[in-house]
Amino acid sequence: MPKYTNVIIFGATGDVGSAAALQAHQEGATVSLAMRNTSKPIPQLDHLPFKKYQADLTQPSTLKTAVREANAQAAFIYGIFSGPDYMRSALRALKEAGVEFIVFLSSFIILTDIHAVDPSDIVPWEHAQVEIALEEVYGRASYVAVRPAFYASNILHEKQAILQGEVKHPNPEATFDFISSEDIGHVAGTILVNGAQEHIVRLLGPEKMTLRDAVNIVGNVLGKEVRVTKISREEAAARMKAAGVPVLMVQWHLYNVLDRARLYLESPEASTARENFLSYAHRPLEGFRQWVENNRARFLD
């Protein structure tokens, strides 16, 4: 019997949100989708009886109507980092409308207390600010932060380079875990309906793999020979800036793939992260090659 029988999903057009919605449905909940544009198709979900409600996490006034019409008791949300209050207004609106429980898609690389994350460590810091807001508005007993590590879908950033036959990277030997978005959503949807004993659930993929090996697997699945070339930090920074990546994100990205690569996999927090998946899932973790084979068309479109 579900603990929360009516749930609402924000971000259902994304891979994690759609997987969370599907899993919540399979767990026996009535699922509603909150969307900025309700006419946007969601191929993974449109065959299911999910009602769509117009709502935007950046516009708290839209949330109350959607939640009340959906009669939602629990909500899956993602981070909005553009506002000065780090989602406090949205969280208060959700709570006032009747949402009792939140599952928040956070980040594995919060490796310290949320109040102690350095602001220069921009990605974990921004996620930590939303977790702080959740603690203030909901309290630890009424939210769960799902903290996945390195998404398998990050390899799609190299799609054009792979198709052209050469990937240039400042640290091809950087090692990550390549967890699938579907696995993240599977856990999030299960927790959304049934709750969890802890308020932080870390998730890692099933494999430790270098970026070079990951590119080679993609090339193999696509039937392409792909060369991986190491470039300097300076060249990598110039390439990202030319692509429009903000300077702070360029610096953070290079820090993570050059200076901090592998550290999160070797952290104490990693020891139970794979077991966490098995605690909530009904199937084994998806390996990277299987993910690439399942998403082959996304590399070719």
Protein backbone atom coordinates (compact mmCIF):
# COMPACT_ATOMS: atom_id res chain seq x y z
CA MET A 1 0.00 0.00 0.00
CA PRO A 2 1.58 3.34 -1.05
CA LYS A 3 2.34 5.83 1.69
CA TYR A 4 1.56 8.68 -0.71
CA THR A 5 -1.22 7.77 -3.11
CA ASN A 6 -1.23 11.04 -5.10
CA VAL A 7 2.09 12.42 -6.32
CA ILE A 8 3.16 15.18 -8.66
CA ILE A 9 6.30 15.21 -10.82
CA PHE A 10 8.16 18.34 -11.87
CA GLY A 11 10.57 17.88 -14.78
CA ALA A 12 8.80 14.91 -16.34
CA THR A 13 10.07 15.84 -19.80
CA GLY A 14 13.58 14.96 -18.61
CA ASP A 15 15.02 11.47 -18.35
CA VAL A 16 15.07 11.35 -14.54
CA GLY A 17 11.63 12.93 -14.08
CA SER A 18 9.96 10.66 -16.63
CA ALA A 19 11.53 7.57 -15.04
CA ALA A 20 10.40 8.78 -11.60
CA ALA A 21 6.84 9.23 -12.89
CA LEU A 22 6.80 5.78 -14.45
CA GLN A 23 8.13 4.15 -11.29
CA ALA A 24 5.67 6.01 -9.04
CA HIS A 25 2.87 4.73 -11.29
CA GLN A 26 4.19 1.19 -11.04
CA GLU A 27 4.32 1.57 -7.24
CA GLY A 28 0.56 2.17 -7.27
CA ALA A 29 0.30 5.96 -6.96
CA THR A 30 -1.87 8.32 -8.98
CA VAL A 31 0.68 10.42 -10.88
CA SER A 32 0.25 14.00 -12.09
CA LEU A 33 2.74 15.96 -14.17
CA ALA A 34 3.53 19.63 -13.53
CA MET A 35 4.78 21.29 -16.70
CA ARG A 36 5.51 24.77 -17.99
CA ASN A 37 4.01 23.72 -21.34
CA THR A 38 1.33 21.04 -20.98
CA SER A 39 1.13 20.52 -24.75
CA LYS A 40 4.73 19.30 -24.92
CA PRO A 41 4.78 15.57 -25.71
CA ILE A 42 6.51 13.10 -23.39
CA PRO A 43 6.97 9.94 -25.50
CA GLN A 44 7.85 7.79 -22.49
CA LEU A 45 4.66 8.74 -20.64
CA ASP A 46 1.97 9.92 -23.05
CA HIS A 47 0.43 6.43 -23.27
CA LEU A 48 -0.31 6.52 -19.54
CA PRO A 49 -3.29 8.17 -17.76
CA PHE A 50 -1.30 11.04 -16.25
CA LYS A 51 -2.98 14.41 -15.97
CA LYS A 52 -0.87 17.43 -16.84
CA TYR A 53 -1.04 20.71 -14.94
CA GLN A 54 0.53 24.01 -15.90
CA ALA A 55 3.04 24.94 -13.21
CA ASP A 56 6.52 26.43 -13.01
CA LEU A 57 8.87 26.14 -10.05
CA THR A 58 10.14 29.64 -10.81
CA GLN A 59 6.58 31.00 -10.41
CA PRO A 60 5.29 29.95 -6.98
CA SER A 61 1.83 31.38 -7.72
CA THR A 62 1.29 28.59 -10.30
CA LEU A 63 2.15 25.80 -7.87
CA LYS A 64 -0.78 26.00 -5.48
CA THR A 65 -3.41 25.56 -8.18
CA ALA A 66 -1.63 22.59 -9.74
CA VAL A 67 -1.02 20.83 -6.43
CA ARG A 68 -4.55 21.37 -5.18
CA GLU A 69 -6.17 20.23 -8.42
CA ALA A 70 -3.94 17.14 -8.43
CA ASN A 71 -4.58 16.57 -4.71
CA ALA A 72 -0.86 15.82 -4.47
CA GLN A 73 0.62 14.67 -1.17
CA ALA A 74 4.21 14.27 -2.41
CA ALA A 75 6.30 15.98 -5.08
CA PHE A 76 9.45 15.22 -7.04
CA ILE A 77 11.41 18.40 -7.81
CA TYR A 78 14.70 19.46 -9.36
CA GLY A 79 16.89 22.43 -8.51
CA ILE A 80 16.20 26.00 -9.63
CA PHE A 81 19.23 28.16 -8.94
CA SER A 82 18.35 31.45 -10.61
CA GLY A 83 16.39 33.01 -7.75
CA PRO A 84 17.87 34.65 -4.67
CA ASP A 85 15.97 32.49 -2.17
CA TYR A 86 17.02 29.07 -3.52
CA MET A 87 13.45 27.84 -3.94
CA ARG A 88 12.11 28.85 -0.52
CA SER A 89 9.12 30.57 -2.11
CA ALA A 90 8.35 27.53 -4.24
CA LEU A 91 8.75 25.16 -1.30
CA ARG A 92 6.44 27.26 0.89
CA ALA A 93 3.84 27.30 -1.90
CA LEU A 94 4.03 23.52 -2.26
CA LYS A 95 3.66 23.03 1.48
CA GLU A 96 0.76 25.46 1.78
CA ALA A 97 -1.00 23.66 -1.09
CA GLY A 98 -0.82 20.31 0.69
CA VAL A 99 2.45 18.65 -0.33
CA GLU A 100 3.65 16.76 2.74
CA PHE A 101 6.80 15.16 1.34
CA ILE A 102 9.48 16.18 -1.19
CA VAL A 103 12.01 14.16 -3.17
CA PHE A 104 14.72 16.50 -4.43
CA LEU A 105 17.17 15.63 -7.22
CA SER A 106 20.46 16.79 -5.71
CA SER A 107 24.16 16.03 -6.30
CA PHE A 108 26.50 13.32 -5.00
CA ILE A 109 29.41 15.75 -4.79
CA ILE A 110 28.05 17.43 -1.70
CA LEU A 111 30.75 15.68 0.30
CA THR A 112 30.44 17.67 3.49
CA ASP A 113 27.72 19.14 5.68
CA ILE A 114 25.39 21.24 3.51
CA HIS A 115 26.19 24.33 5.56
CA ALA A 116 29.94 23.91 4.98
CA VAL A 117 30.12 23.65 1.18
CA ASP A 118 32.47 26.26 -0.29
CA PRO A 119 30.61 28.71 -2.59
CA SER A 120 33.42 28.39 -5.14
CA ASP A 121 32.45 24.71 -5.54
CA ILE A 122 29.49 25.96 -7.48
CA VAL A 123 27.48 22.86 -8.42
CA PRO A 124 27.43 21.20 -4.97
CA TRP A 125 27.04 24.61 -3.34
CA GLU A 126 23.90 25.45 -5.33
CA HIS A 127 22.35 22.06 -4.59
CA ALA A 128 23.29 22.45 -0.93
CA GLN A 129 21.45 25.78 -0.78
CA VAL A 130 18.24 24.10 -1.91
CA GLU A 131 18.74 21.35 0.66
CA ILE A 132 19.19 24.03 3.33
CA ALA A 133 15.92 25.59 2.16
CA LEU A 134 14.21 22.20 2.33
CA GLU A 135 15.48 21.72 5.88
CA GLU A 136 14.07 25.11 6.86
CA VAL A 137 10.68 24.75 5.17
CA TYR A 138 10.00 21.02 5.52
CA GLY A 139 12.37 19.64 8.14
CA ARG A 140 14.55 16.56 7.65
CA ALA A 141 11.74 14.08 8.26
CA SER A 142 9.70 15.39 5.32
CA TYR A 143 12.15 15.38 2.43
CA VAL A 144 14.72 13.12 0.81
CA ALA A 145 17.66 14.38 -1.23
CA VAL A 146 18.56 11.84 -3.91
CA ARG A 147 22.22 12.45 -4.72
CA PRO A 148 23.39 10.70 -7.90
CA ALA A 149 26.94 11.01 -9.18
CA PHE A 150 28.09 11.11 -12.83
CA TYR A 151 25.24 10.68 -15.31
CA ALA A 152 25.79 8.28 -18.21
CA SER A 153 24.05 10.85 -20.41
CA ASN A 154 26.93 13.29 -19.83
CA ILE A 155 28.73 11.44 -22.63
CA LEU A 156 26.20 12.98 -25.04
CA HIS A 157 28.12 16.26 -24.64
CA GLU A 158 30.76 14.56 -26.81
CA LYS A 159 28.26 13.39 -29.42
CA GLN A 160 29.45 15.56 -32.30
CA ALA A 161 33.10 14.86 -31.56
CA ILE A 162 32.38 11.12 -31.46
CA LEU A 163 30.57 11.26 -34.79
CA GLN A 164 33.50 13.21 -36.26
CA GLY A 165 35.94 10.57 -35.02
CA GLU A 166 37.97 12.46 -32.40
CA VAL A 167 37.23 13.48 -28.82
CA LYS A 168 39.57 16.06 -27.28
CA HIS A 169 39.68 16.13 -23.48
CA PRO A 170 42.04 17.48 -20.80
CA ASN A 171 41.95 14.24 -18.80
CA PRO A 172 40.79 11.17 -20.73
CA GLU A 173 41.81 8.99 -17.79
CA ALA A 174 39.37 10.71 -15.40
CA THR A 175 37.27 7.95 -13.83
CA PHE A 176 33.52 8.19 -13.21
CA ASP A 177 30.62 5.87 -12.46
CA PHE A 178 28.20 6.60 -15.35
CA ILE A 179 24.84 6.04 -13.65
CA SER A 180 21.80 6.00 -15.92
CA SER A 181 19.07 8.59 -15.53
CA GLU A 182 16.52 5.79 -15.59
CA ASP A 183 18.12 4.20 -12.54
CA ILE A 184 18.10 7.53 -10.71
CA GLY A 185 14.43 8.07 -11.55
CA HIS A 186 13.59 4.50 -10.56
CA VAL A 187 14.87 5.13 -7.03
CA ALA A 188 13.33 8.61 -6.84
CA GLY A 189 9.90 7.32 -7.89
CA THR A 190 10.02 4.49 -5.38
CA ILE A 191 10.93 6.87 -2.55
CA LEU A 192 8.32 9.40 -3.66
CA VAL A 193 5.55 6.87 -3.12
CA ASN A 194 6.90 4.86 -0.19
CA GLY A 195 9.18 7.28 1.66
CA ALA A 196 12.64 6.43 3.03
CA GLN A 197 14.30 5.93 6.38
CA GLU A 198 17.09 8.44 5.63
CA HIS A 199 16.91 11.96 4.24
CA ILE A 200 19.98 11.56 1.99
CA VAL A 201 20.20 8.73 -0.56
CA ARG A 202 23.44 8.64 -2.56
CA LEU A 203 23.60 6.73 -5.83
CA LEU A 204 26.50 5.45 -7.93
CA GLY A 205 26.51 3.55 -11.19
CA PRO A 206 27.71 -0.07 -11.32
CA GLU A 207 31.11 0.57 -12.93
CA LYS A 208 34.23 2.68 -12.54
CA MET A 209 35.27 3.72 -16.02
CA THR A 210 37.59 6.26 -17.63
CA LEU A 211 36.23 8.75 -20.11
CA ARG A 212 38.51 7.19 -22.71
CA ASP A 213 36.96 3.76 -22.17
CA ALA A 214 33.45 5.25 -22.22
CA VAL A 215 34.12 6.93 -25.58
CA ASN A 216 35.51 3.67 -26.95
CA ILE A 217 32.33 1.84 -25.89
CA VAL A 218 30.17 4.43 -27.64
CA GLY A 219 32.31 4.15 -30.77
CA ASN A 220 32.04 0.36 -30.65
CA VAL A 221 28.24 0.45 -30.33
CA LEU A 222 28.01 2.94 -33.20
CA GLY A 223 30.49 1.01 -35.34
CA LYS A 224 32.88 3.96 -35.46
CA GLU A 225 36.60 4.29 -34.79
CA VAL A 226 37.00 7.19 -32.35
CA ARG A 227 40.35 8.67 -31.33
CA VAL A 228 40.68 10.23 -27.88
CA THR A 229 43.26 13.02 -27.68
CA LYS A 230 44.53 14.68 -24.53
CA ILE A 231 44.64 18.48 -24.63
CA SER A 232 45.92 21.10 -22.20
CA ARG A 233 43.85 22.76 -19.50
CA GLU A 234 44.19 26.04 -21.42
CA GLU A 235 42.92 24.56 -24.69
CA ALA A 236 40.02 22.88 -22.90
CA ALA A 237 39.08 26.17 -21.22
CA ALA A 238 39.22 28.03 -24.53
CA ARG A 239 37.02 25.44 -26.23
CA MET A 240 34.37 25.63 -23.49
CA LYS A 241 34.39 29.43 -23.43
CA ALA A 242 33.96 29.47 -27.22
CA ALA A 243 30.95 27.19 -26.77
CA GLY A 244 29.38 29.75 -24.41
CA VAL A 245 30.06 28.01 -21.10
CA PRO A 246 30.22 30.62 -18.28
CA VAL A 247 33.68 31.23 -16.83
CA LEU A 248 32.78 29.95 -13.36
CA MET A 249 31.44 26.70 -14.84
CA VAL A 250 34.56 26.32 -16.99
CA GLN A 251 36.73 26.60 -13.90
CA TRP A 252 34.54 24.20 -11.93
CA HIS A 253 34.45 21.63 -14.73
CA LEU A 254 38.23 21.63 -15.13
CA TYR A 255 38.71 21.36 -11.38
CA ASN A 256 36.50 18.27 -11.34
CA VAL A 257 37.99 16.43 -14.30
CA LEU A 258 41.63 17.40 -13.63
CA ASP A 259 42.07 17.99 -9.91
CA ARG A 260 39.23 16.09 -8.26
CA ALA A 261 38.65 13.15 -10.63
CA ARG A 262 38.23 9.86 -8.73
CA LEU A 263 38.01 11.55 -5.33
CA TYR A 264 34.26 11.19 -5.05
CA LEU A 265 34.50 7.51 -6.00
CA GLU A 266 37.01 7.00 -3.22
CA SER A 267 35.11 9.01 -0.62
CA PRO A 268 33.56 7.34 2.45
CA GLU A 269 30.15 8.27 1.03
CA ALA A 270 30.74 5.96 -1.94
CA SER A 271 30.86 2.82 0.18
CA THR A 272 27.08 2.42 0.45
CA ALA A 273 25.92 4.28 -2.66
CA ARG A 274 25.55 1.24 -4.91
CA GLU A 275 23.82 -0.71 -2.15
CA ASN A 276 21.35 2.17 -1.83
CA PHE A 277 20.09 1.43 -5.31
CA LEU A 278 19.42 -2.20 -4.43
CA SER A 279 17.56 -1.08 -1.31
CA TYR A 280 14.96 0.76 -3.37
CA ALA A 281 15.05 -0.83 -6.82
CA HIS A 282 13.47 -3.96 -8.20
CA ARG A 283 16.22 -4.70 -10.72
CA PRO A 284 20.02 -4.46 -11.11
CA LEU A 285 21.79 -1.26 -12.10
CA GLU A 286 22.10 -0.63 -15.83
CA GLY A 287 25.66 -0.95 -17.17
CA PHE A 288 27.11 1.76 -19.39
CA ARG A 289 27.26 -0.35 -22.56
CA GLN A 290 23.61 -1.32 -22.10
CA TRP A 291 22.70 2.34 -21.62
CA VAL A 292 24.52 3.28 -24.84
CA GLU A 293 22.79 0.50 -26.76
CA ASN A 294 19.40 1.59 -25.42
CA ASN A 295 20.13 5.21 -26.36
CA ARG A 296 21.95 4.61 -29.64
CA ALA A 297 19.52 6.80 -31.60
CA ARG A 298 20.35 9.82 -29.41
CA PHE A 299 23.93 9.76 -30.67
CA LEU A 300 22.79 9.72 -34.28
CA ASP A 301 19.93 12.25 -34.38
